[in-house]
């Protein structure tokens, strides 16, 4: 399990956590994969998820794309989690830095994950720093957008099945960027 470094409780009771650890070991209902639109899990976090969870994740991803087409920013895909300790993998397509409208696309990707988790009636989800790896999104900018998208989602009047959103980060530079933004943005009591 990851090490929880920060925690915040929203007015309706949902918990937001910032953690350092391995996303593939998180004991939550679903983890989010930072995917490409073809769900071809050949590198980075996506490859680690398939390595740890098994080939069934790639096979279900291929079937998803055959049935539904390419995955959009706003509408993530999902598969079962294979050998991972979670039930599902939500495959979010974040923007590639420089393609245009990156901020909006990242916000849509995060909101889409939360909405899909609610549709699946999940109570917990772990999210990585979507788009900050090979897609080149600046880490501090992504941190602000991801935190704001989660906050906006939980400030809506509609009910949510989600009780826990954990942002799970592996490397120190990404963690440092998220901690800086968290300390400015999230006022913990």
N, C-alpha and C. Protein backbone atom coordinates (compact mmCIF):
# COMPACT_ATOMS: atom_id res chain seq x y z
N UNK A 1 0.84 -1.18 0.00
CA UNK A 1 0.00 0.00 0.00
C UNK A 1 0.88 1.25 0.00
N UNK A 2 0.35 2.27 -0.56
CA UNK A 2 1.10 3.52 -0.66
C UNK A 2 1.11 4.28 0.67
N UNK A 3 1.96 5.27 0.72
CA UNK A 3 2.08 6.12 1.91
C UNK A 3 1.23 7.37 1.69
N UNK A 4 0.24 7.58 2.55
CA UNK A 4 -0.64 8.74 2.44
C UNK A 4 0.10 9.95 3.01
N UNK A 5 0.25 10.99 2.18
CA UNK A 5 0.98 12.19 2.59
C UNK A 5 0.05 13.36 2.92
N UNK A 6 -1.08 13.43 2.28
CA UNK A 6 -2.06 14.49 2.52
C UNK A 6 -3.45 13.89 2.42
N UNK A 7 -4.39 14.47 3.17
CA UNK A 7 -5.79 14.03 3.09
C UNK A 7 -6.71 15.22 3.33
N UNK A 8 -7.81 15.20 2.60
CA UNK A 8 -8.81 16.26 2.73
C UNK A 8 -10.18 15.62 2.65
N UNK A 9 -11.11 16.12 3.46
CA UNK A 9 -12.48 15.63 3.41
C UNK A 9 -13.38 16.74 2.87
N UNK A 10 -14.11 16.42 1.80
CA UNK A 10 -15.06 17.37 1.23
C UNK A 10 -16.29 17.48 2.11
N UNK A 11 -17.06 18.56 1.98
CA UNK A 11 -18.24 18.76 2.83
C UNK A 11 -19.25 17.60 2.82
N UNK A 12 -19.36 16.89 1.69
CA UNK A 12 -20.30 15.76 1.62
C UNK A 12 -19.70 14.45 2.11
N UNK A 13 -18.45 14.50 2.61
CA UNK A 13 -17.84 13.33 3.22
C UNK A 13 -16.83 12.58 2.39
N UNK A 14 -16.69 12.88 1.10
CA UNK A 14 -15.71 12.18 0.28
C UNK A 14 -14.30 12.58 0.71
N UNK A 15 -13.39 11.62 0.61
CA UNK A 15 -12.00 11.84 0.99
C UNK A 15 -11.12 11.92 -0.26
N UNK A 16 -10.23 12.89 -0.26
CA UNK A 16 -9.21 13.03 -1.28
C UNK A 16 -7.87 12.82 -0.60
N UNK A 17 -7.08 11.92 -1.15
CA UNK A 17 -5.76 11.64 -0.58
C UNK A 17 -4.68 11.84 -1.64
N UNK A 18 -3.51 12.26 -1.19
CA UNK A 18 -2.32 12.33 -2.03
C UNK A 18 -1.33 11.34 -1.44
N UNK A 19 -0.89 10.39 -2.27
CA UNK A 19 -0.06 9.30 -1.77
C UNK A 19 1.13 9.06 -2.67
N UNK A 20 2.19 8.52 -2.08
CA UNK A 20 3.33 8.06 -2.86
C UNK A 20 3.34 6.54 -2.80
N UNK A 21 3.42 5.93 -3.99
CA UNK A 21 3.43 4.48 -4.03
C UNK A 21 3.25 3.96 -5.43
N UNK A 22 2.98 2.68 -5.51
CA UNK A 22 2.80 1.96 -6.76
C UNK A 22 1.31 1.81 -7.03
N UNK A 23 0.83 2.45 -8.07
CA UNK A 23 -0.59 2.43 -8.40
C UNK A 23 -1.10 1.00 -8.58
N UNK A 24 -0.26 0.12 -9.11
CA UNK A 24 -0.70 -1.25 -9.39
C UNK A 24 -0.92 -2.09 -8.15
N UNK A 25 -0.57 -1.57 -6.98
CA UNK A 25 -0.78 -2.32 -5.74
C UNK A 25 -1.89 -1.71 -4.88
N UNK A 26 -2.56 -0.71 -5.38
CA UNK A 26 -3.60 -0.03 -4.59
C UNK A 26 -4.83 -0.92 -4.39
N UNK A 27 -5.25 -1.12 -3.13
CA UNK A 27 -6.43 -1.93 -2.83
C UNK A 27 -7.72 -1.09 -2.87
N UNK A 28 -8.03 -0.58 -4.05
CA UNK A 28 -9.22 0.24 -4.26
C UNK A 28 -10.12 -0.48 -5.26
N UNK A 29 -11.31 0.05 -5.50
CA UNK A 29 -12.22 -0.58 -6.47
C UNK A 29 -11.68 -0.48 -7.89
N UNK A 30 -11.05 0.64 -8.23
CA UNK A 30 -10.50 0.83 -9.59
C UNK A 30 -9.27 1.70 -9.53
N UNK A 31 -8.35 1.41 -10.45
CA UNK A 31 -7.23 2.32 -10.68
C UNK A 31 -7.42 2.92 -12.06
N UNK A 32 -6.82 4.09 -12.26
CA UNK A 32 -6.90 4.75 -13.55
C UNK A 32 -5.58 4.56 -14.27
N UNK A 33 -5.67 4.13 -15.51
CA UNK A 33 -4.51 3.98 -16.38
C UNK A 33 -4.42 5.22 -17.25
N UNK A 34 -3.24 5.78 -17.36
CA UNK A 34 -2.99 6.88 -18.30
C UNK A 34 -2.74 6.24 -19.66
N UNK A 35 -3.78 6.19 -20.48
CA UNK A 35 -3.76 5.41 -21.72
C UNK A 35 -3.69 6.29 -22.96
N UNK A 36 -3.45 5.63 -24.09
CA UNK A 36 -3.60 6.30 -25.37
C UNK A 36 -4.96 5.92 -25.95
N UNK A 37 -5.38 6.62 -26.97
CA UNK A 37 -6.75 6.43 -27.50
C UNK A 37 -6.99 5.05 -28.11
N UNK A 38 -5.91 4.32 -28.42
CA UNK A 38 -6.03 2.97 -29.00
C UNK A 38 -5.97 1.88 -27.94
N UNK A 39 -5.74 2.27 -26.69
CA UNK A 39 -5.58 1.34 -25.57
C UNK A 39 -4.49 0.31 -25.85
N UNK A 40 -3.44 0.77 -26.47
CA UNK A 40 -2.26 -0.05 -26.73
C UNK A 40 -1.29 0.20 -25.59
N UNK A 41 -1.19 -0.75 -24.69
CA UNK A 41 -0.49 -0.57 -23.42
C UNK A 41 0.98 -0.99 -23.51
N UNK A 42 1.74 -0.31 -24.36
CA UNK A 42 3.10 -0.73 -24.64
C UNK A 42 4.19 -0.09 -23.80
N UNK A 43 3.90 0.98 -23.09
CA UNK A 43 4.96 1.65 -22.34
C UNK A 43 4.42 2.34 -21.10
N UNK A 44 5.34 2.79 -20.27
CA UNK A 44 5.01 3.58 -19.08
C UNK A 44 4.09 2.85 -18.12
N UNK A 45 3.19 3.61 -17.51
CA UNK A 45 2.26 3.06 -16.53
C UNK A 45 1.38 1.98 -17.14
N UNK A 46 0.93 2.20 -18.37
CA UNK A 46 0.05 1.22 -19.02
C UNK A 46 0.72 -0.14 -19.12
N UNK A 47 1.99 -0.17 -19.51
CA UNK A 47 2.72 -1.43 -19.60
C UNK A 47 2.88 -2.08 -18.22
N UNK A 48 3.13 -1.26 -17.20
CA UNK A 48 3.26 -1.79 -15.84
C UNK A 48 1.95 -2.42 -15.36
N UNK A 49 0.83 -1.80 -15.72
CA UNK A 49 -0.48 -2.34 -15.32
C UNK A 49 -0.70 -3.70 -15.97
N UNK A 50 -0.40 -3.82 -17.26
CA UNK A 50 -0.58 -5.10 -17.95
C UNK A 50 0.40 -6.14 -17.43
N UNK A 51 1.64 -5.74 -17.18
CA UNK A 51 2.64 -6.67 -16.63
C UNK A 51 2.16 -7.27 -15.31
N UNK A 52 1.68 -6.40 -14.44
CA UNK A 52 1.25 -6.86 -13.11
C UNK A 52 -0.13 -7.52 -13.15
N UNK A 53 -1.03 -7.00 -13.96
CA UNK A 53 -2.40 -7.51 -13.99
C UNK A 53 -2.64 -8.68 -14.93
N UNK A 54 -1.77 -8.83 -15.94
CA UNK A 54 -1.92 -9.93 -16.88
C UNK A 54 -2.44 -9.49 -18.24
N UNK A 55 -2.27 -10.38 -19.20
CA UNK A 55 -2.63 -10.09 -20.59
C UNK A 55 -4.12 -9.89 -20.81
N UNK A 56 -4.93 -10.32 -19.88
CA UNK A 56 -6.38 -10.14 -20.02
C UNK A 56 -6.74 -8.65 -20.14
N UNK A 57 -5.96 -7.79 -19.50
CA UNK A 57 -6.23 -6.34 -19.56
C UNK A 57 -6.04 -5.84 -20.99
N UNK A 58 -4.96 -6.24 -21.64
CA UNK A 58 -4.76 -5.84 -23.03
C UNK A 58 -5.81 -6.46 -23.94
N UNK A 59 -6.14 -7.73 -23.72
CA UNK A 59 -7.16 -8.40 -24.55
C UNK A 59 -8.51 -7.70 -24.43
N UNK A 60 -8.92 -7.35 -23.21
CA UNK A 60 -10.19 -6.64 -23.04
C UNK A 60 -10.12 -5.23 -23.63
N UNK A 61 -8.95 -4.61 -23.55
CA UNK A 61 -8.76 -3.28 -24.15
C UNK A 61 -8.92 -3.35 -25.67
N UNK A 62 -8.31 -4.35 -26.27
CA UNK A 62 -8.43 -4.53 -27.72
C UNK A 62 -9.89 -4.74 -28.12
N UNK A 63 -10.59 -5.55 -27.34
CA UNK A 63 -12.01 -5.80 -27.61
C UNK A 63 -12.83 -4.52 -27.47
N UNK A 64 -12.49 -3.70 -26.47
CA UNK A 64 -13.20 -2.43 -26.27
C UNK A 64 -13.07 -1.54 -27.51
N UNK A 65 -11.85 -1.39 -27.99
CA UNK A 65 -11.60 -0.53 -29.15
C UNK A 65 -12.30 -1.08 -30.40
N UNK A 66 -12.29 -2.41 -30.58
CA UNK A 66 -13.01 -3.00 -31.72
C UNK A 66 -14.50 -2.69 -31.65
N UNK A 67 -15.06 -2.73 -30.45
CA UNK A 67 -16.50 -2.53 -30.29
C UNK A 67 -16.89 -1.06 -30.28
N UNK A 68 -16.10 -0.19 -29.63
CA UNK A 68 -16.49 1.20 -29.40
C UNK A 68 -15.68 2.22 -30.19
N UNK A 69 -14.56 1.81 -30.75
CA UNK A 69 -13.68 2.75 -31.43
C UNK A 69 -12.68 3.36 -30.47
N UNK A 70 -11.95 4.34 -30.96
CA UNK A 70 -10.94 4.99 -30.14
C UNK A 70 -11.57 5.65 -28.92
N UNK A 71 -10.79 5.71 -27.85
CA UNK A 71 -11.26 6.28 -26.59
C UNK A 71 -11.04 7.80 -26.62
N UNK A 72 -12.03 8.55 -26.17
CA UNK A 72 -11.91 10.01 -26.14
C UNK A 72 -11.45 10.49 -24.77
N UNK A 73 -11.11 11.77 -24.69
CA UNK A 73 -10.71 12.35 -23.41
C UNK A 73 -11.85 12.29 -22.40
N UNK A 74 -13.05 12.62 -22.83
CA UNK A 74 -14.19 12.75 -21.92
C UNK A 74 -14.86 11.43 -21.55
N UNK A 75 -14.64 10.41 -22.37
CA UNK A 75 -15.32 9.12 -22.15
C UNK A 75 -14.31 7.99 -22.03
N UNK A 76 -13.78 7.74 -20.83
CA UNK A 76 -12.79 6.68 -20.67
C UNK A 76 -13.40 5.30 -20.88
N UNK A 77 -12.53 4.33 -21.11
CA UNK A 77 -12.93 2.93 -21.21
C UNK A 77 -12.64 2.25 -19.87
N UNK A 78 -13.14 1.02 -19.74
CA UNK A 78 -12.78 0.26 -18.55
C UNK A 78 -12.67 -1.22 -18.90
N UNK A 79 -11.82 -1.90 -18.14
CA UNK A 79 -11.67 -3.34 -18.25
C UNK A 79 -11.64 -3.92 -16.84
N UNK A 80 -11.74 -5.22 -16.79
CA UNK A 80 -11.50 -5.88 -15.50
C UNK A 80 -10.01 -5.74 -15.19
N UNK A 81 -9.63 -6.04 -13.97
CA UNK A 81 -8.26 -5.76 -13.51
C UNK A 81 -7.33 -6.96 -13.49
N UNK A 82 -7.78 -8.10 -13.95
CA UNK A 82 -6.90 -9.26 -13.96
C UNK A 82 -6.40 -9.61 -12.57
N UNK A 83 -5.09 -9.69 -12.41
CA UNK A 83 -4.47 -10.10 -11.14
C UNK A 83 -4.22 -8.92 -10.19
N UNK A 84 -4.61 -7.72 -10.58
CA UNK A 84 -4.41 -6.55 -9.71
C UNK A 84 -5.35 -6.64 -8.50
N UNK A 85 -5.04 -5.95 -7.41
CA UNK A 85 -5.89 -6.02 -6.22
C UNK A 85 -7.18 -5.21 -6.33
N UNK A 86 -7.38 -4.51 -7.43
CA UNK A 86 -8.62 -3.76 -7.65
C UNK A 86 -9.56 -4.57 -8.53
N UNK A 87 -10.78 -4.07 -8.75
CA UNK A 87 -11.75 -4.77 -9.60
C UNK A 87 -11.69 -4.33 -11.05
N UNK A 88 -11.40 -3.05 -11.27
CA UNK A 88 -11.42 -2.49 -12.62
C UNK A 88 -10.19 -1.63 -12.88
N UNK A 89 -9.89 -1.47 -14.16
CA UNK A 89 -8.94 -0.46 -14.62
C UNK A 89 -9.73 0.48 -15.52
N UNK A 90 -9.74 1.75 -15.16
CA UNK A 90 -10.36 2.78 -15.99
C UNK A 90 -9.26 3.38 -16.85
N UNK A 91 -9.45 3.35 -18.15
CA UNK A 91 -8.42 3.80 -19.09
C UNK A 91 -8.74 5.21 -19.56
N UNK A 92 -8.03 6.18 -18.99
CA UNK A 92 -8.24 7.60 -19.30
C UNK A 92 -7.24 8.06 -20.34
N UNK A 93 -7.73 8.78 -21.33
CA UNK A 93 -6.85 9.33 -22.36
C UNK A 93 -6.63 10.80 -22.06
N UNK A 94 -5.45 11.10 -21.57
CA UNK A 94 -5.09 12.48 -21.32
C UNK A 94 -4.52 13.11 -22.59
N UNK A 95 -4.38 14.41 -22.58
CA UNK A 95 -3.85 15.10 -23.77
C UNK A 95 -2.34 15.00 -23.89
N UNK A 96 -1.88 15.07 -25.12
CA UNK A 96 -0.46 15.19 -25.40
C UNK A 96 -0.12 16.67 -25.39
N UNK A 97 0.89 17.06 -24.64
CA UNK A 97 1.26 18.47 -24.54
C UNK A 97 1.61 19.00 -25.93
N UNK A 98 0.96 20.12 -26.30
CA UNK A 98 1.20 20.74 -27.59
C UNK A 98 0.13 20.46 -28.63
N UNK A 99 -0.86 19.61 -28.30
CA UNK A 99 -1.89 19.28 -29.29
C UNK A 99 -3.05 20.29 -29.31
N UNK A 100 -3.09 21.17 -28.31
CA UNK A 100 -4.16 22.17 -28.24
C UNK A 100 -5.22 21.79 -27.22
N UNK A 101 -5.75 22.80 -26.52
CA UNK A 101 -6.80 22.62 -25.51
C UNK A 101 -6.43 21.59 -24.44
N UNK A 102 -5.15 21.52 -24.10
CA UNK A 102 -4.69 20.50 -23.17
C UNK A 102 -5.35 20.60 -21.80
N UNK A 103 -5.50 21.81 -21.28
CA UNK A 103 -6.10 21.97 -19.95
C UNK A 103 -7.52 21.40 -19.93
N UNK A 104 -8.31 21.76 -20.91
CA UNK A 104 -9.70 21.29 -20.97
C UNK A 104 -9.75 19.77 -21.14
N UNK A 105 -8.88 19.23 -21.99
CA UNK A 105 -8.87 17.78 -22.22
C UNK A 105 -8.47 17.02 -20.97
N UNK A 106 -7.52 17.55 -20.20
CA UNK A 106 -7.13 16.88 -18.96
C UNK A 106 -8.28 16.93 -17.94
N UNK A 107 -8.92 18.08 -17.85
CA UNK A 107 -10.08 18.19 -16.94
C UNK A 107 -11.17 17.19 -17.35
N UNK A 108 -11.43 17.09 -18.65
CA UNK A 108 -12.44 16.14 -19.14
C UNK A 108 -12.05 14.70 -18.81
N UNK A 109 -10.77 14.38 -18.93
CA UNK A 109 -10.31 13.02 -18.64
C UNK A 109 -10.54 12.67 -17.17
N UNK A 110 -10.20 13.58 -16.27
CA UNK A 110 -10.38 13.33 -14.84
C UNK A 110 -11.86 13.23 -14.49
N UNK A 111 -12.65 14.18 -14.98
CA UNK A 111 -14.09 14.15 -14.72
C UNK A 111 -14.73 12.90 -15.29
N UNK A 112 -14.30 12.49 -16.48
CA UNK A 112 -14.81 11.27 -17.09
C UNK A 112 -14.54 10.04 -16.24
N UNK A 113 -13.35 9.98 -15.63
CA UNK A 113 -13.01 8.86 -14.74
C UNK A 113 -13.93 8.81 -13.53
N UNK A 114 -14.15 9.96 -12.94
CA UNK A 114 -15.01 10.03 -11.75
C UNK A 114 -16.45 9.66 -12.10
N UNK A 115 -16.92 10.16 -13.23
CA UNK A 115 -18.28 9.85 -13.69
C UNK A 115 -18.43 8.36 -13.97
N UNK A 116 -17.44 7.75 -14.63
CA UNK A 116 -17.49 6.32 -14.91
C UNK A 116 -17.45 5.51 -13.62
N UNK A 117 -16.63 5.92 -12.66
CA UNK A 117 -16.59 5.24 -11.36
C UNK A 117 -17.97 5.26 -10.71
N UNK A 118 -18.66 6.38 -10.82
CA UNK A 118 -20.03 6.45 -10.28
C UNK A 118 -20.98 5.54 -11.05
N UNK A 119 -20.84 5.50 -12.37
CA UNK A 119 -21.69 4.61 -13.18
C UNK A 119 -21.48 3.14 -12.80
N UNK A 120 -20.25 2.80 -12.45
CA UNK A 120 -19.93 1.44 -12.02
C UNK A 120 -20.23 1.21 -10.54
N UNK A 121 -20.72 2.26 -9.86
CA UNK A 121 -21.07 2.23 -8.43
C UNK A 121 -19.88 1.85 -7.55
N UNK A 122 -18.73 2.44 -7.85
CA UNK A 122 -17.52 2.19 -7.09
C UNK A 122 -17.43 3.15 -5.91
N UNK A 123 -16.75 2.73 -4.86
CA UNK A 123 -16.58 3.60 -3.70
C UNK A 123 -15.17 4.18 -3.59
N UNK A 124 -14.20 3.59 -4.32
CA UNK A 124 -12.83 4.09 -4.21
C UNK A 124 -12.11 3.96 -5.55
N UNK A 125 -11.22 4.93 -5.79
CA UNK A 125 -10.48 4.99 -7.05
C UNK A 125 -9.11 5.61 -6.78
N UNK A 126 -8.11 5.12 -7.50
CA UNK A 126 -6.77 5.71 -7.42
C UNK A 126 -6.38 6.22 -8.80
N UNK A 127 -5.86 7.44 -8.84
CA UNK A 127 -5.58 8.15 -10.08
C UNK A 127 -4.10 8.52 -10.13
N UNK A 128 -3.46 8.36 -11.28
CA UNK A 128 -2.07 8.82 -11.44
C UNK A 128 -2.05 10.27 -11.92
N UNK A 129 -0.88 10.77 -12.18
CA UNK A 129 -0.71 12.12 -12.75
C UNK A 129 -0.86 12.00 -14.27
N UNK A 130 -2.09 11.92 -14.71
CA UNK A 130 -2.43 11.70 -16.12
C UNK A 130 -1.71 12.71 -17.01
N UNK A 131 -1.11 12.22 -18.07
CA UNK A 131 -0.45 13.00 -19.14
C UNK A 131 0.91 13.58 -18.78
N UNK A 132 1.41 13.38 -17.56
CA UNK A 132 2.66 14.01 -17.16
C UNK A 132 3.90 13.18 -17.51
N UNK A 133 3.70 11.98 -18.01
CA UNK A 133 4.83 11.14 -18.41
C UNK A 133 5.22 11.42 -19.84
N UNK A 134 5.11 10.41 -20.69
CA UNK A 134 5.54 10.56 -22.08
C UNK A 134 4.69 11.56 -22.87
N UNK A 135 3.51 11.92 -22.36
CA UNK A 135 2.67 12.92 -23.04
C UNK A 135 3.14 14.35 -22.77
N UNK A 136 4.06 14.53 -21.80
CA UNK A 136 4.75 15.79 -21.61
C UNK A 136 4.02 16.93 -20.94
N UNK A 137 2.86 16.68 -20.33
CA UNK A 137 2.11 17.74 -19.65
C UNK A 137 2.92 18.22 -18.45
N UNK A 138 3.11 19.53 -18.27
CA UNK A 138 3.86 20.03 -17.11
C UNK A 138 3.23 19.56 -15.79
N UNK A 139 4.04 19.02 -14.92
CA UNK A 139 3.55 18.40 -13.70
C UNK A 139 2.77 19.36 -12.80
N UNK A 140 3.30 20.55 -12.58
CA UNK A 140 2.61 21.49 -11.69
C UNK A 140 1.28 21.94 -12.28
N UNK A 141 1.25 22.15 -13.56
CA UNK A 141 0.00 22.55 -14.22
C UNK A 141 -1.03 21.42 -14.15
N UNK A 142 -0.58 20.19 -14.40
CA UNK A 142 -1.47 19.04 -14.30
C UNK A 142 -2.01 18.88 -12.88
N UNK A 143 -1.16 19.09 -11.89
CA UNK A 143 -1.59 18.97 -10.49
C UNK A 143 -2.76 19.91 -10.21
N UNK A 144 -2.64 21.16 -10.63
CA UNK A 144 -3.72 22.12 -10.40
C UNK A 144 -5.01 21.72 -11.09
N UNK A 145 -4.90 21.24 -12.32
CA UNK A 145 -6.10 20.85 -13.08
C UNK A 145 -6.74 19.61 -12.48
N UNK A 146 -5.94 18.62 -12.14
CA UNK A 146 -6.48 17.38 -11.57
C UNK A 146 -7.17 17.65 -10.23
N UNK A 147 -6.52 18.42 -9.35
CA UNK A 147 -7.14 18.74 -8.06
C UNK A 147 -8.41 19.56 -8.23
N UNK A 148 -8.39 20.53 -9.15
CA UNK A 148 -9.58 21.35 -9.39
C UNK A 148 -10.73 20.53 -9.97
N UNK A 149 -10.42 19.60 -10.87
CA UNK A 149 -11.47 18.77 -11.46
C UNK A 149 -12.14 17.88 -10.41
N UNK A 150 -11.35 17.32 -9.51
CA UNK A 150 -11.90 16.49 -8.44
C UNK A 150 -12.78 17.34 -7.51
N UNK A 151 -12.27 18.51 -7.15
CA UNK A 151 -13.03 19.41 -6.28
C UNK A 151 -14.35 19.82 -6.95
N UNK A 152 -14.30 20.16 -8.22
CA UNK A 152 -15.51 20.57 -8.94
C UNK A 152 -16.51 19.42 -9.01
N UNK A 153 -16.02 18.21 -9.22
CA UNK A 153 -16.92 17.06 -9.32
C UNK A 153 -17.67 16.84 -8.01
N UNK A 154 -16.98 16.95 -6.90
CA UNK A 154 -17.62 16.71 -5.61
C UNK A 154 -18.40 17.91 -5.08
N UNK A 155 -18.31 19.05 -5.76
CA UNK A 155 -19.12 20.20 -5.35
C UNK A 155 -20.46 20.23 -6.08
N UNK A 156 -20.68 19.30 -7.01
CA UNK A 156 -21.96 19.22 -7.71
C UNK A 156 -23.04 18.74 -6.76
N UNK A 157 -24.29 19.14 -7.03
CA UNK A 157 -25.38 18.74 -6.12
C UNK A 157 -25.76 17.26 -6.21
N UNK A 158 -25.34 16.57 -7.26
CA UNK A 158 -25.70 15.15 -7.41
C UNK A 158 -24.89 14.28 -6.45
N UNK A 159 -25.50 13.18 -6.05
CA UNK A 159 -24.83 12.25 -5.14
C UNK A 159 -23.79 11.44 -5.90
N UNK A 160 -22.81 10.95 -5.17
CA UNK A 160 -21.74 10.13 -5.75
C UNK A 160 -21.56 8.89 -4.91
N UNK A 161 -21.31 7.76 -5.57
CA UNK A 161 -21.00 6.53 -4.84
C UNK A 161 -19.57 6.55 -4.31
N UNK A 162 -18.74 7.42 -4.90
CA UNK A 162 -17.34 7.49 -4.50
C UNK A 162 -17.18 8.06 -3.10
N UNK A 163 -16.39 7.39 -2.31
CA UNK A 163 -16.07 7.86 -0.97
C UNK A 163 -14.59 8.25 -0.87
N UNK A 164 -13.75 7.68 -1.76
CA UNK A 164 -12.31 7.92 -1.70
C UNK A 164 -11.73 8.09 -3.09
N UNK A 165 -11.01 9.20 -3.29
CA UNK A 165 -10.20 9.40 -4.48
C UNK A 165 -8.77 9.58 -3.99
N UNK A 166 -7.90 8.68 -4.43
CA UNK A 166 -6.50 8.74 -4.02
C UNK A 166 -5.65 9.04 -5.26
N UNK A 167 -4.90 10.12 -5.20
CA UNK A 167 -3.93 10.42 -6.26
C UNK A 167 -2.64 9.73 -5.85
N UNK A 168 -2.27 8.70 -6.61
CA UNK A 168 -1.11 7.89 -6.26
C UNK A 168 0.02 8.18 -7.25
N UNK A 169 1.13 8.66 -6.72
CA UNK A 169 2.26 9.09 -7.53
C UNK A 169 3.49 8.28 -7.16
N UNK A 170 4.29 7.97 -8.15
CA UNK A 170 5.44 7.09 -7.94
C UNK A 170 6.75 7.86 -7.76
N UNK A 171 7.04 8.77 -8.69
CA UNK A 171 8.36 9.42 -8.69
C UNK A 171 8.36 10.72 -7.89
N UNK A 172 9.50 11.06 -7.35
CA UNK A 172 9.64 12.22 -6.48
C UNK A 172 9.36 13.55 -7.17
N UNK A 173 9.84 13.80 -8.42
CA UNK A 173 9.54 15.08 -9.06
C UNK A 173 8.03 15.33 -9.23
N UNK A 174 7.29 14.30 -9.59
CA UNK A 174 5.84 14.45 -9.74
C UNK A 174 5.20 14.69 -8.37
N UNK A 175 5.63 13.92 -7.40
CA UNK A 175 5.11 14.09 -6.04
C UNK A 175 5.40 15.50 -5.52
N UNK A 176 6.60 16.00 -5.73
CA UNK A 176 6.94 17.36 -5.28
C UNK A 176 6.04 18.40 -5.92
N UNK A 177 5.78 18.26 -7.23
CA UNK A 177 4.91 19.22 -7.92
C UNK A 177 3.50 19.18 -7.34
N UNK A 178 2.97 17.98 -7.10
CA UNK A 178 1.61 17.85 -6.56
C UNK A 178 1.56 18.37 -5.12
N UNK A 179 2.58 18.11 -4.32
CA UNK A 179 2.60 18.61 -2.94
C UNK A 179 2.59 20.14 -2.92
N UNK A 180 3.37 20.76 -3.80
CA UNK A 180 3.40 22.23 -3.85
C UNK A 180 2.02 22.79 -4.19
N UNK A 181 1.38 22.22 -5.18
CA UNK A 181 0.06 22.71 -5.58
C UNK A 181 -0.96 22.40 -4.50
N UNK A 182 -0.92 21.21 -3.92
CA UNK A 182 -1.84 20.83 -2.84
C UNK A 182 -1.73 21.83 -1.69
N UNK A 183 -0.49 22.15 -1.27
CA UNK A 183 -0.29 23.03 -0.13
C UNK A 183 -0.83 24.43 -0.38
N UNK A 184 -0.87 24.87 -1.64
CA UNK A 184 -1.44 26.19 -1.97
C UNK A 184 -2.95 26.12 -2.15
N UNK A 185 -3.45 25.03 -2.68
CA UNK A 185 -4.84 24.93 -3.12
C UNK A 185 -5.78 24.33 -2.09
N UNK A 186 -5.34 23.29 -1.40
CA UNK A 186 -6.19 22.55 -0.47
C UNK A 186 -5.92 23.03 0.95
N UNK A 187 -6.93 23.54 1.57
CA UNK A 187 -6.79 24.04 2.95
C UNK A 187 -7.28 22.96 3.91
N UNK A 188 -6.32 22.24 4.50
CA UNK A 188 -6.69 21.19 5.43
C UNK A 188 -6.82 21.77 6.83
N UNK A 189 -7.76 21.23 7.54
CA UNK A 189 -8.00 21.72 8.91
C UNK A 189 -7.08 21.06 9.90
